[in-house]
């Protein structure tokens, strides 16, 4: 019994040293900070992406990256605190690898895209059902709800790249977000299933999800188009029908 107890003590000691030094380093496993953030800040949670955070806060993802010195890989980590507002005095954190410039230059909004840029995107409807609810700035409706049979095909409205595919944005259910260019994103919420993953390139008209149930347990797709982070009326871009 004494020998067994001694062996157990040695094993526990070895595991402790492995924990402290070899595997996690001298400070043990990583501990992310917790607690409230200041106004205008956001603490990254597991499963979030830079695009999902920008989408939730109606921001241009490029400014969000610029204000937080995030490189072109858009890499963020759980526990990281992000600034959601412009730094004081218009100072911009310099992104590593970016060309040197005056960091006091206030970030400028890009001019509206030229007609040729918009013409390159051929929009189409994501589902063929009736419009149940339309976009309205007055009522705060950021997009539109479109009816459809449960499991019906949800199609990409234009070519692009999937920048979010998950269920981490409260109020959207199973959500897919597609970046079409530096100006436009489209979002597809309340899906029964998502058929694409982050990083996938999609064609206009490609199957990306299946219609699911909305908050009232009725089959529908919640659809949005964002222009530089701001919700716009999708029917201004979608073909007349």
C-alpha atoms as a PDB file:
ATOM      1  CA  UNK A   1       0.000   0.000   0.000  1.00  0.00           C
ATOM      2  CA  UNK A   2       2.824   2.381   0.870  1.00  0.00           C
ATOM      3  CA  UNK A   3       4.507   1.654  -2.469  1.00  0.00           C
ATOM      4  CA  UNK A   4       1.247   2.258  -4.351  1.00  0.00           C
ATOM      5  CA  UNK A   5       0.714   5.592  -2.580  1.00  0.00           C
ATOM      6  CA  UNK A   6       4.270   6.661  -3.394  1.00  0.00           C
ATOM      7  CA  UNK A   7       3.790   5.729  -7.052  1.00  0.00           C
ATOM      8  CA  UNK A   8       0.526   7.727  -7.231  1.00  0.00           C
ATOM      9  CA  UNK A   9       2.261  10.768  -5.700  1.00  0.00           C
ATOM     10  CA  UNK A  10       5.068  10.573  -8.267  1.00  0.00           C
ATOM     11  CA  UNK A  11       2.583  10.272 -11.142  1.00  0.00           C
ATOM     12  CA  UNK A  12       0.579  13.261  -9.948  1.00  0.00           C
ATOM     13  CA  UNK A  13       3.747  15.281  -9.605  1.00  0.00           C
ATOM     14  CA  UNK A  14       4.812  14.360 -13.122  1.00  0.00           C
ATOM     15  CA  UNK A  15       1.392  15.360 -14.493  1.00  0.00           C
ATOM     16  CA  UNK A  16       1.632  18.685 -12.678  1.00  0.00           C
ATOM     17  CA  UNK A  17       5.037  19.394 -14.199  1.00  0.00           C
ATOM     18  CA  UNK A  18       3.694  18.389 -17.617  1.00  0.00           C
ATOM     19  CA  UNK A  19       0.749  20.776 -17.113  1.00  0.00           C
ATOM     20  CA  UNK A  20       2.931  23.650 -15.999  1.00  0.00           C
ATOM     21  CA  UNK A  21       5.850  23.363 -18.321  1.00  0.00           C
ATOM     22  CA  UNK A  22       5.641  21.122 -21.325  1.00  0.00           C
ATOM     23  CA  UNK A  23       2.075  21.364 -22.505  1.00  0.00           C
ATOM     24  CA  UNK A  24       0.672  24.744 -21.508  1.00  0.00           C
ATOM     25  CA  UNK A  25       3.809  26.616 -20.470  1.00  0.00           C
ATOM     26  CA  UNK A  26       4.856  27.876 -17.034  1.00  0.00           C
ATOM     27  CA  UNK A  27       1.539  29.657 -16.367  1.00  0.00           C
ATOM     28  CA  UNK A  28      -0.712  26.660 -17.045  1.00  0.00           C
ATOM     29  CA  UNK A  29      -3.606  26.652 -19.545  1.00  0.00           C
ATOM     30  CA  UNK A  30      -4.579  29.927 -21.210  1.00  0.00           C
ATOM     31  CA  UNK A  31      -7.164  31.956 -19.297  1.00  0.00           C
ATOM     32  CA  UNK A  32      -9.193  34.487 -21.262  1.00  0.00           C
ATOM     33  CA  UNK A  33     -10.267  37.648 -19.455  1.00  0.00           C
ATOM     34  CA  UNK A  34     -13.892  37.881 -18.381  1.00  0.00           C
ATOM     35  CA  UNK A  35     -16.160  40.589 -17.116  1.00  0.00           C
ATOM     36  CA  UNK A  36     -17.929  43.604 -18.604  1.00  0.00           C
ATOM     37  CA  UNK A  37     -16.413  45.692 -21.360  1.00  0.00           C
ATOM     38  CA  UNK A  38     -16.480  49.448 -21.700  1.00  0.00           C
ATOM     39  CA  UNK A  39     -19.049  51.141 -23.951  1.00  0.00           C
ATOM     40  CA  UNK A  40     -18.018  50.842 -27.576  1.00  0.00           C
ATOM     41  CA  UNK A  41     -16.147  47.578 -27.000  1.00  0.00           C
ATOM     42  CA  UNK A  42     -16.902  43.920 -27.652  1.00  0.00           C
ATOM     43  CA  UNK A  43     -15.298  40.845 -26.123  1.00  0.00           C
ATOM     44  CA  UNK A  44     -14.938  38.050 -28.688  1.00  0.00           C
ATOM     45  CA  UNK A  45     -16.809  34.867 -27.831  1.00  0.00           C
ATOM     46  CA  UNK A  46     -16.092  31.375 -29.109  1.00  0.00           C
ATOM     47  CA  UNK A  47     -17.534  30.839 -32.584  1.00  0.00           C
ATOM     48  CA  UNK A  48     -17.598  34.521 -33.532  1.00  0.00           C
ATOM     49  CA  UNK A  49     -15.812  35.879 -36.594  1.00  0.00           C
ATOM     50  CA  UNK A  50     -14.834  39.403 -37.507  1.00  0.00           C
ATOM     51  CA  UNK A  51     -17.641  39.404 -40.068  1.00  0.00           C
ATOM     52  CA  UNK A  52     -20.276  38.221 -37.616  1.00  0.00           C
ATOM     53  CA  UNK A  53     -19.278  40.937 -35.132  1.00  0.00           C
ATOM     54  CA  UNK A  54     -19.323  43.606 -37.844  1.00  0.00           C
ATOM     55  CA  UNK A  55     -22.696  42.306 -39.039  1.00  0.00           C
ATOM     56  CA  UNK A  56     -24.206  42.404 -35.545  1.00  0.00           C
ATOM     57  CA  UNK A  57     -23.023  45.992 -35.052  1.00  0.00           C
ATOM     58  CA  UNK A  58     -23.876  47.203 -38.582  1.00  0.00           C
ATOM     59  CA  UNK A  59     -20.256  48.078 -39.319  1.00  0.00           C
ATOM     60  CA  UNK A  60     -17.971  47.990 -42.309  1.00  0.00           C
ATOM     61  CA  UNK A  61     -15.693  45.043 -41.550  1.00  0.00           C
ATOM     62  CA  UNK A  62     -12.706  46.869 -43.029  1.00  0.00           C
ATOM     63  CA  UNK A  63     -12.999  49.685 -40.478  1.00  0.00           C
ATOM     64  CA  UNK A  64     -13.463  47.180 -37.649  1.00  0.00           C
ATOM     65  CA  UNK A  65     -10.247  45.460 -38.721  1.00  0.00           C
ATOM     66  CA  UNK A  66      -8.408  48.753 -39.139  1.00  0.00           C
ATOM     67  CA  UNK A  67      -9.405  50.139 -35.746  1.00  0.00           C
ATOM     68  CA  UNK A  68      -8.184  46.951 -34.045  1.00  0.00           C
ATOM     69  CA  UNK A  69      -4.914  46.337 -35.946  1.00  0.00           C
ATOM     70  CA  UNK A  70      -6.254  43.106 -37.421  1.00  0.00           C
ATOM     71  CA  UNK A  71      -4.350  41.838 -40.434  1.00  0.00           C
ATOM     72  CA  UNK A  72      -5.706  40.561 -43.749  1.00  0.00           C
ATOM     73  CA  UNK A  73      -6.358  37.109 -42.265  1.00  0.00           C
ATOM     74  CA  UNK A  74      -9.125  38.657 -40.079  1.00  0.00           C
ATOM     75  CA  UNK A  75      -7.940  36.440 -37.205  1.00  0.00           C
ATOM     76  CA  UNK A  76      -9.515  37.086 -33.802  1.00  0.00           C
ATOM     77  CA  UNK A  77      -9.469  35.012 -30.602  1.00  0.00           C
ATOM     78  CA  UNK A  78     -11.983  34.350 -27.812  1.00  0.00           C
ATOM     79  CA  UNK A  79     -11.493  36.826 -24.989  1.00  0.00           C
ATOM     80  CA  UNK A  80     -10.018  39.494 -27.248  1.00  0.00           C
ATOM     81  CA  UNK A  81     -11.577  42.934 -26.754  1.00  0.00           C
ATOM     82  CA  UNK A  82     -12.387  44.834 -29.943  1.00  0.00           C
ATOM     83  CA  UNK A  83     -12.975  48.535 -30.374  1.00  0.00           C
ATOM     84  CA  UNK A  84     -16.291  49.265 -32.116  1.00  0.00           C
ATOM     85  CA  UNK A  85     -15.731  52.990 -32.502  1.00  0.00           C
ATOM     86  CA  UNK A  86     -13.091  55.113 -34.178  1.00  0.00           C
ATOM     87  CA  UNK A  87     -10.011  55.705 -31.997  1.00  0.00           C
ATOM     88  CA  UNK A  88      -9.836  59.153 -30.341  1.00  0.00           C
ATOM     89  CA  UNK A  89      -8.484  61.883 -32.551  1.00  0.00           C
ATOM     90  CA  UNK A  90      -8.947  59.767 -35.653  1.00  0.00           C
ATOM     91  CA  UNK A  91      -5.834  57.761 -34.822  1.00  0.00           C
ATOM     92  CA  UNK A  92      -5.756  54.393 -36.520  1.00  0.00           C
ATOM     93  CA  UNK A  93      -3.807  51.440 -35.163  1.00  0.00           C
ATOM     94  CA  UNK A  94      -1.362  50.381 -37.831  1.00  0.00           C
ATOM     95  CA  UNK A  95      -2.016  46.944 -39.297  1.00  0.00           C
ATOM     96  CA  UNK A  96       1.126  44.861 -39.375  1.00  0.00           C
ATOM     97  CA  UNK A  97       2.500  44.661 -42.898  1.00  0.00           C
ATOM     98  CA  UNK A  98       0.514  47.671 -44.094  1.00  0.00           C
ATOM     99  CA  UNK A  99       2.379  50.511 -45.837  1.00  0.00           C
ATOM    100  CA  UNK A 100       3.580  53.294 -43.545  1.00  0.00           C
ATOM    101  CA  UNK A 101       1.281  56.320 -43.345  1.00  0.00           C
ATOM    102  CA  UNK A 102       0.250  59.091 -40.970  1.00  0.00           C
ATOM    103  CA  UNK A 103      -1.646  57.269 -38.216  1.00  0.00           C
ATOM    104  CA  UNK A 104      -3.557  60.438 -37.379  1.00  0.00           C
ATOM    105  CA  UNK A 105      -5.339  60.336 -40.713  1.00  0.00           C
ATOM    106  CA  UNK A 106      -9.044  59.900 -40.027  1.00  0.00           C
ATOM    107  CA  UNK A 107     -10.471  56.783 -41.713  1.00  0.00           C
ATOM    108  CA  UNK A 108     -12.509  57.863 -44.681  1.00  0.00           C
ATOM    109  CA  UNK A 109     -15.585  56.137 -45.989  1.00  0.00           C
ATOM    110  CA  UNK A 110     -15.150  54.783 -49.467  1.00  0.00           C
ATOM    111  CA  UNK A 111     -17.043  56.700 -52.158  1.00  0.00           C
ATOM    112  CA  UNK A 112     -20.179  55.028 -53.516  1.00  0.00           C
ATOM    113  CA  UNK A 113     -19.287  52.254 -55.961  1.00  0.00           C
ATOM    114  CA  UNK A 114     -19.244  53.174 -59.602  1.00  0.00           C
ATOM    115  CA  UNK A 115     -22.133  51.873 -61.717  1.00  0.00           C
ATOM    116  CA  UNK A 116     -19.765  49.392 -63.372  1.00  0.00           C
ATOM    117  CA  UNK A 117     -18.996  47.793 -59.998  1.00  0.00           C
ATOM    118  CA  UNK A 118     -22.659  47.227 -59.252  1.00  0.00           C
ATOM    119  CA  UNK A 119     -23.351  45.950 -62.740  1.00  0.00           C
ATOM    120  CA  UNK A 120     -20.861  43.122 -62.211  1.00  0.00           C
ATOM    121  CA  UNK A 121     -23.209  41.495 -59.711  1.00  0.00           C
ATOM    122  CA  UNK A 122     -26.257  39.829 -61.193  1.00  0.00           C
ATOM    123  CA  UNK A 123     -28.737  39.527 -58.361  1.00  0.00           C
ATOM    124  CA  UNK A 124     -31.479  36.944 -58.012  1.00  0.00           C
ATOM    125  CA  UNK A 125     -34.014  36.006 -55.365  1.00  0.00           C
ATOM    126  CA  UNK A 126     -32.873  33.546 -52.689  1.00  0.00           C
ATOM    127  CA  UNK A 127     -36.225  31.712 -52.583  1.00  0.00           C
ATOM    128  CA  UNK A 128     -39.332  31.890 -54.706  1.00  0.00           C
ATOM    129  CA  UNK A 129     -41.976  32.311 -52.009  1.00  0.00           C
ATOM    130  CA  UNK A 130     -44.068  35.380 -51.179  1.00  0.00           C
ATOM    131  CA  UNK A 131     -42.699  38.360 -49.280  1.00  0.00           C
ATOM    132  CA  UNK A 132     -44.096  38.131 -45.751  1.00  0.00           C
ATOM    133  CA  UNK A 133     -42.385  41.212 -44.334  1.00  0.00           C
ATOM    134  CA  UNK A 134     -40.560  44.012 -46.098  1.00  0.00           C
ATOM    135  CA  UNK A 135     -37.520  46.079 -45.190  1.00  0.00           C
ATOM    136  CA  UNK A 136     -38.411  49.190 -43.190  1.00  0.00           C
ATOM    137  CA  UNK A 137     -36.070  51.710 -41.607  1.00  0.00           C
ATOM    138  CA  UNK A 138     -39.011  53.184 -39.705  1.00  0.00           C
ATOM    139  CA  UNK A 139     -39.961  49.928 -37.982  1.00  0.00           C
ATOM    140  CA  UNK A 140     -36.374  48.698 -37.662  1.00  0.00           C
ATOM    141  CA  UNK A 141     -36.825  45.762 -40.060  1.00  0.00           C
ATOM    142  CA  UNK A 142     -33.262  45.291 -41.349  1.00  0.00           C
ATOM    143  CA  UNK A 143     -34.249  42.878 -44.092  1.00  0.00           C
ATOM    144  CA  UNK A 144     -37.190  40.965 -45.448  1.00  0.00           C
ATOM    145  CA  UNK A 145     -38.941  37.712 -44.599  1.00  0.00           C
ATOM    146  CA  UNK A 146     -39.756  35.444 -47.529  1.00  0.00           C
ATOM    147  CA  UNK A 147     -42.054  32.462 -47.307  1.00  0.00           C
ATOM    148  CA  UNK A 148     -41.226  28.965 -48.519  1.00  0.00           C
ATOM    149  CA  UNK A 149     -41.863  25.315 -47.869  1.00  0.00           C
ATOM    150  CA  UNK A 150     -39.762  23.752 -45.082  1.00  0.00           C
ATOM    151  CA  UNK A 151     -36.615  22.335 -46.641  1.00  0.00           C
ATOM    152  CA  UNK A 152     -36.969  24.393 -49.838  1.00  0.00           C
ATOM    153  CA  UNK A 153     -33.744  25.464 -51.522  1.00  0.00           C
ATOM    154  CA  UNK A 154     -32.090  28.692 -50.390  1.00  0.00           C
ATOM    155  CA  UNK A 155     -29.886  30.073 -53.170  1.00  0.00           C
ATOM    156  CA  UNK A 156     -26.978  32.527 -53.139  1.00  0.00           C
ATOM    157  CA  UNK A 157     -28.276  35.776 -54.640  1.00  0.00           C
ATOM    158  CA  UNK A 158     -24.922  36.523 -56.319  1.00  0.00           C
ATOM    159  CA  UNK A 159     -21.442  34.999 -56.486  1.00  0.00           C
ATOM    160  CA  UNK A 160     -19.148  35.460 -53.511  1.00  0.00           C
ATOM    161  CA  UNK A 161     -17.434  33.843 -50.535  1.00  0.00           C
ATOM    162  CA  UNK A 162     -19.011  32.516 -47.338  1.00  0.00           C
ATOM    163  CA  UNK A 163     -17.694  34.572 -44.414  1.00  0.00           C
ATOM    164  CA  UNK A 164     -19.998  33.170 -41.727  1.00  0.00           C
ATOM    165  CA  UNK A 165     -21.903  29.922 -41.329  1.00  0.00           C
ATOM    166  CA  UNK A 166     -23.231  29.239 -37.855  1.00  0.00           C
ATOM    167  CA  UNK A 167     -25.836  29.921 -35.202  1.00  0.00           C
ATOM    168  CA  UNK A 168     -23.963  32.330 -32.943  1.00  0.00           C
ATOM    169  CA  UNK A 169     -25.850  35.521 -33.852  1.00  0.00           C
ATOM    170  CA  UNK A 170     -28.886  35.781 -31.625  1.00  0.00           C
ATOM    171  CA  UNK A 171     -32.085  36.428 -33.526  1.00  0.00           C
ATOM    172  CA  UNK A 172     -30.974  34.830 -36.801  1.00  0.00           C
ATOM    173  CA  UNK A 173     -31.060  31.091 -36.122  1.00  0.00           C
ATOM    174  CA  UNK A 174     -28.896  29.074 -38.494  1.00  0.00           C
ATOM    175  CA  UNK A 175     -27.269  31.866 -40.499  1.00  0.00           C
ATOM    176  CA  UNK A 176     -25.150  32.129 -43.640  1.00  0.00           C
ATOM    177  CA  UNK A 177     -23.406  35.372 -44.646  1.00  0.00           C
ATOM    178  CA  UNK A 178     -21.840  35.807 -48.084  1.00  0.00           C
ATOM    179  CA  UNK A 179     -19.392  38.536 -49.050  1.00  0.00           C
ATOM    180  CA  UNK A 180     -19.923  39.521 -52.677  1.00  0.00           C
ATOM    181  CA  UNK A 181     -17.316  42.269 -52.961  1.00  0.00           C
ATOM    182  CA  UNK A 182     -15.905  45.086 -50.830  1.00  0.00           C
ATOM    183  CA  UNK A 183     -19.326  46.722 -50.762  1.00  0.00           C
ATOM    184  CA  UNK A 184     -22.023  44.080 -50.392  1.00  0.00           C
ATOM    185  CA  UNK A 185     -22.861  41.225 -48.035  1.00  0.00           C
ATOM    186  CA  UNK A 186     -25.996  39.093 -48.101  1.00  0.00           C
ATOM    187  CA  UNK A 187     -27.380  37.183 -45.119  1.00  0.00           C
ATOM    188  CA  UNK A 188     -29.738  34.201 -44.950  1.00  0.00           C
ATOM    189  CA  UNK A 189     -31.308  33.404 -41.573  1.00  0.00           C
ATOM    190  CA  UNK A 190     -33.551  30.785 -39.913  1.00  0.00           C
ATOM    191  CA  UNK A 191     -32.345  27.948 -42.115  1.00  0.00           C
ATOM    192  CA  UNK A 192     -33.215  24.349 -41.354  1.00  0.00           C
ATOM    193  CA  UNK A 193     -29.722  23.371 -42.411  1.00  0.00           C
ATOM    194  CA  UNK A 194     -26.621  25.122 -43.733  1.00  0.00           C
ATOM    195  CA  UNK A 195     -24.951  23.495 -46.739  1.00  0.00           C
ATOM    196  CA  UNK A 196     -21.843  25.683 -46.992  1.00  0.00           C
ATOM    197  CA  UNK A 197     -19.013  26.488 -44.600  1.00  0.00           C
ATOM    198  CA  UNK A 198     -16.858  29.534 -43.992  1.00  0.00           C
ATOM    199  CA  UNK A 199     -14.368  30.081 -46.800  1.00  0.00           C
ATOM    200  CA  UNK A 200     -16.451  28.374 -49.485  1.00  0.00           C
ATOM    201  CA  UNK A 201     -16.722  30.190 -52.804  1.00  0.00           C
ATOM    202  CA  UNK A 202     -20.249  30.128 -54.199  1.00  0.00           C
ATOM    203  CA  UNK A 203     -21.867  30.891 -57.516  1.00  0.00           C
ATOM    204  CA  UNK A 204     -24.974  32.981 -57.981  1.00  0.00           C
ATOM    205  CA  UNK A 205     -27.910  30.589 -57.747  1.00  0.00           C
ATOM    206  CA  UNK A 206     -25.946  27.919 -55.866  1.00  0.00           C
ATOM    207  CA  UNK A 207     -27.742  25.941 -53.163  1.00  0.00           C
ATOM    208  CA  UNK A 208     -26.436  27.140 -49.791  1.00  0.00           C
ATOM    209  CA  UNK A 209     -29.123  26.189 -47.248  1.00  0.00           C
ATOM    210  CA  UNK A 210     -32.667  24.903 -46.703  1.00  0.00           C
ATOM    211  CA  UNK A 211     -35.651  26.929 -45.531  1.00  0.00           C
ATOM    212  CA  UNK A 212     -36.374  26.502 -41.833  1.00  0.00           C
ATOM    213  CA  UNK A 213     -38.817  27.900 -39.285  1.00  0.00           C
ATOM    214  CA  UNK A 214     -38.876  31.505 -38.123  1.00  0.00           C
ATOM    215  CA  UNK A 215     -39.565  32.803 -34.606  1.00  0.00           C
ATOM    216  CA  UNK A 216     -43.297  32.071 -34.955  1.00  0.00           C
ATOM    217  CA  UNK A 217     -42.551  28.502 -36.064  1.00  0.00           C
ATOM    218  CA  UNK A 218     -43.653  29.266 -39.615  1.00  0.00           C
ATOM    219  CA  UNK A 219     -41.484  28.376 -42.621  1.00  0.00           C
ATOM    220  CA  UNK A 220     -39.597  31.407 -43.892  1.00  0.00           C
ATOM    221  CA  UNK A 221     -36.219  32.828 -44.826  1.00  0.00           C
ATOM    222  CA  UNK A 222     -34.988  36.032 -43.253  1.00  0.00           C
ATOM    223  CA  UNK A 223     -32.896  37.800 -45.893  1.00  0.00           C
ATOM    224  CA  UNK A 224     -30.722  40.906 -45.705  1.00  0.00           C
ATOM    225  CA  UNK A 225     -28.322  42.828 -47.917  1.00  0.00           C
ATOM    226  CA  UNK A 226     -25.705  45.042 -46.268  1.00  0.00           C
ATOM    227  CA  UNK A 227     -23.931  47.871 -48.092  1.00  0.00           C
ATOM    228  CA  UNK A 228     -20.670  48.704 -46.313  1.00  0.00           C
ATOM    229  CA  UNK A 229     -22.130  47.219 -43.180  1.00  0.00           C
ATOM    230  CA  UNK A 230     -25.442  49.095 -43.318  1.00  0.00           C
ATOM    231  CA  UNK A 231     -28.754  47.312 -43.991  1.00  0.00           C
ATOM    232  CA  UNK A 232     -30.428  48.383 -47.234  1.00  0.00           C
ATOM    233  CA  UNK A 233     -33.698  47.459 -48.912  1.00  0.00           C
ATOM    234  CA  UNK A 234     -32.949  44.202 -50.795  1.00  0.00           C
ATOM    235  CA  UNK A 235     -35.695  44.921 -53.315  1.00  0.00           C
ATOM    236  CA  UNK A 236     -33.648  47.807 -54.690  1.00  0.00           C
ATOM    237  CA  UNK A 237     -31.171  45.241 -56.032  1.00  0.00           C
ATOM    238  CA  UNK A 238     -33.247  42.103 -56.579  1.00  0.00           C
ATOM    239  CA  UNK A 239     -35.019  41.670 -59.929  1.00  0.00           C
ATOM    240  CA  UNK A 240     -38.634  42.803 -60.137  1.00  0.00           C
ATOM    241  CA  UNK A 241     -41.156  40.015 -59.912  1.00  0.00           C
END
